Amino acid sequence: MSELDANKRNAIPEQQFAFPKQRKEPIDNAAHVRNAIARFNQVEGVTDKERDEAWKHINTAAKKFGVEVHEKSWREIASKTPSSEKR
């Protein structure tokens, strides 16, 4: 997947980000939804409450774009991360 340049990223509406206040993890297409799931644990500077909301946004976008999500909660992703990678 190609990276978004600043202009393209700025053109995405706030509600099309998993973390809209921080404008982190765009979820405006299937590829971005898959990427948001894969990178979920790498997002820094957010609370668990914000993660709960972001997970809802991701699941809604996943349904819209036909992306299969195996995890029921973002906490399942956290439990899959090897302890050496957790920060």
Protein backbone atom coordinates (compact mmCIF):
# COMPACT_ATOMS: atom_id res chain seq x y z
CA MET A 1 0.00 0.00 0.00
CA SER A 2 1.32 3.41 -0.86
CA GLU A 3 1.73 5.97 1.87
CA LEU A 4 -0.58 8.94 2.03
CA ASP A 5 1.04 12.24 1.32
CA ALA A 6 0.07 15.19 3.51
CA ASN A 7 -2.50 16.57 1.07
CA LYS A 8 -4.31 13.24 0.68
CA ARG A 9 -4.24 12.61 4.43
CA ASN A 10 -5.60 16.09 5.15
CA ALA A 11 -8.41 15.53 2.63
CA ILE A 12 -9.74 12.53 4.57
CA PRO A 13 -12.63 13.55 6.83
CA GLU A 14 -12.00 13.19 10.57
CA GLN A 15 -14.71 10.52 10.93
CA GLN A 16 -12.76 8.26 8.52
CA PHE A 17 -9.96 7.71 11.02
CA ALA A 18 -9.94 5.03 13.71
CA PHE A 19 -8.69 7.70 16.12
CA PRO A 20 -10.44 10.81 14.78
CA LYS A 21 -9.19 13.38 17.34
CA GLN A 22 -5.60 12.40 16.67
CA ARG A 23 -6.24 11.71 12.95
CA LYS A 24 -4.46 8.38 13.34
CA GLU A 25 -5.10 5.27 11.27
CA PRO A 26 -7.27 6.17 8.27
CA ILE A 27 -10.06 3.66 7.60
CA ASP A 28 -11.44 5.03 4.33
CA ASN A 29 -10.93 1.84 2.29
CA ALA A 30 -10.36 -1.89 2.79
CA ALA A 31 -6.56 -1.67 2.63
CA HIS A 32 -6.50 1.06 5.28
CA VAL A 33 -8.85 -0.93 7.52
CA ARG A 34 -6.55 -3.98 7.35
CA ASN A 35 -3.57 -1.72 8.06
CA ALA A 36 -5.34 -0.09 11.03
CA ILE A 37 -5.93 -3.53 12.54
CA ALA A 38 -2.36 -4.63 11.94
CA ARG A 39 -0.88 -1.44 13.41
CA PHE A 40 -3.41 -0.99 16.22
CA ASN A 41 -0.91 -1.73 19.01
CA GLN A 42 1.62 0.70 17.55
CA VAL A 43 -0.61 3.73 18.14
CA GLU A 44 0.78 5.78 21.01
CA GLY A 45 -0.65 8.56 23.13
CA VAL A 46 -4.23 7.26 23.34
CA THR A 47 -6.29 5.99 26.26
CA ASP A 48 -8.02 2.63 26.56
CA LYS A 49 -11.32 4.47 26.14
CA GLU A 50 -10.06 5.93 22.86
CA ARG A 51 -8.94 2.46 21.81
CA ASP A 52 -12.43 1.11 22.56
CA GLU A 53 -13.93 3.80 20.33
CA ALA A 54 -11.34 3.25 17.61
CA TRP A 55 -12.11 -0.47 17.60
CA LYS A 56 -15.79 0.34 17.02
CA HIS A 57 -14.82 2.62 14.12
CA ILE A 58 -12.61 -0.09 12.63
CA ASN A 59 -15.33 -2.74 12.89
CA THR A 60 -17.88 -0.45 11.25
CA ALA A 61 -15.48 0.29 8.40
CA ALA A 62 -14.56 -3.39 8.11
CA LYS A 63 -18.21 -4.31 7.58
CA LYS A 64 -18.60 -1.51 5.03
CA PHE A 65 -15.58 -2.63 3.00
CA GLY A 66 -15.98 -6.41 3.48
CA VAL A 67 -12.89 -6.89 5.64
CA GLU A 68 -13.02 -9.93 7.88
CA VAL A 69 -12.07 -9.23 11.50
CA HIS A 70 -11.22 -12.28 13.61
CA GLU A 71 -10.71 -10.51 16.93
CA LYS A 72 -13.73 -9.60 19.06
CA SER A 73 -11.80 -6.87 20.90
CA TRP A 74 -8.65 -4.84 20.42
CA ARG A 75 -7.42 -6.46 23.63
CA GLU A 76 -7.09 -9.73 21.71
CA ILE A 77 -4.58 -8.01 19.44
CA ALA A 78 -2.68 -6.78 22.48
CA SER A 79 -2.50 -10.31 23.86
CA LYS A 80 -0.96 -11.57 20.57
CA THR A 81 1.92 -9.10 20.75
CA PRO A 82 5.09 -10.77 22.08
CA SER A 83 6.13 -9.22 25.37
CA SER A 84 9.45 -8.13 23.87
CA GLU A 85 7.53 -5.90 21.43
CA LYS A 86 5.22 -4.31 24.02
CA ARG A 87 6.20 -0.83 25.13
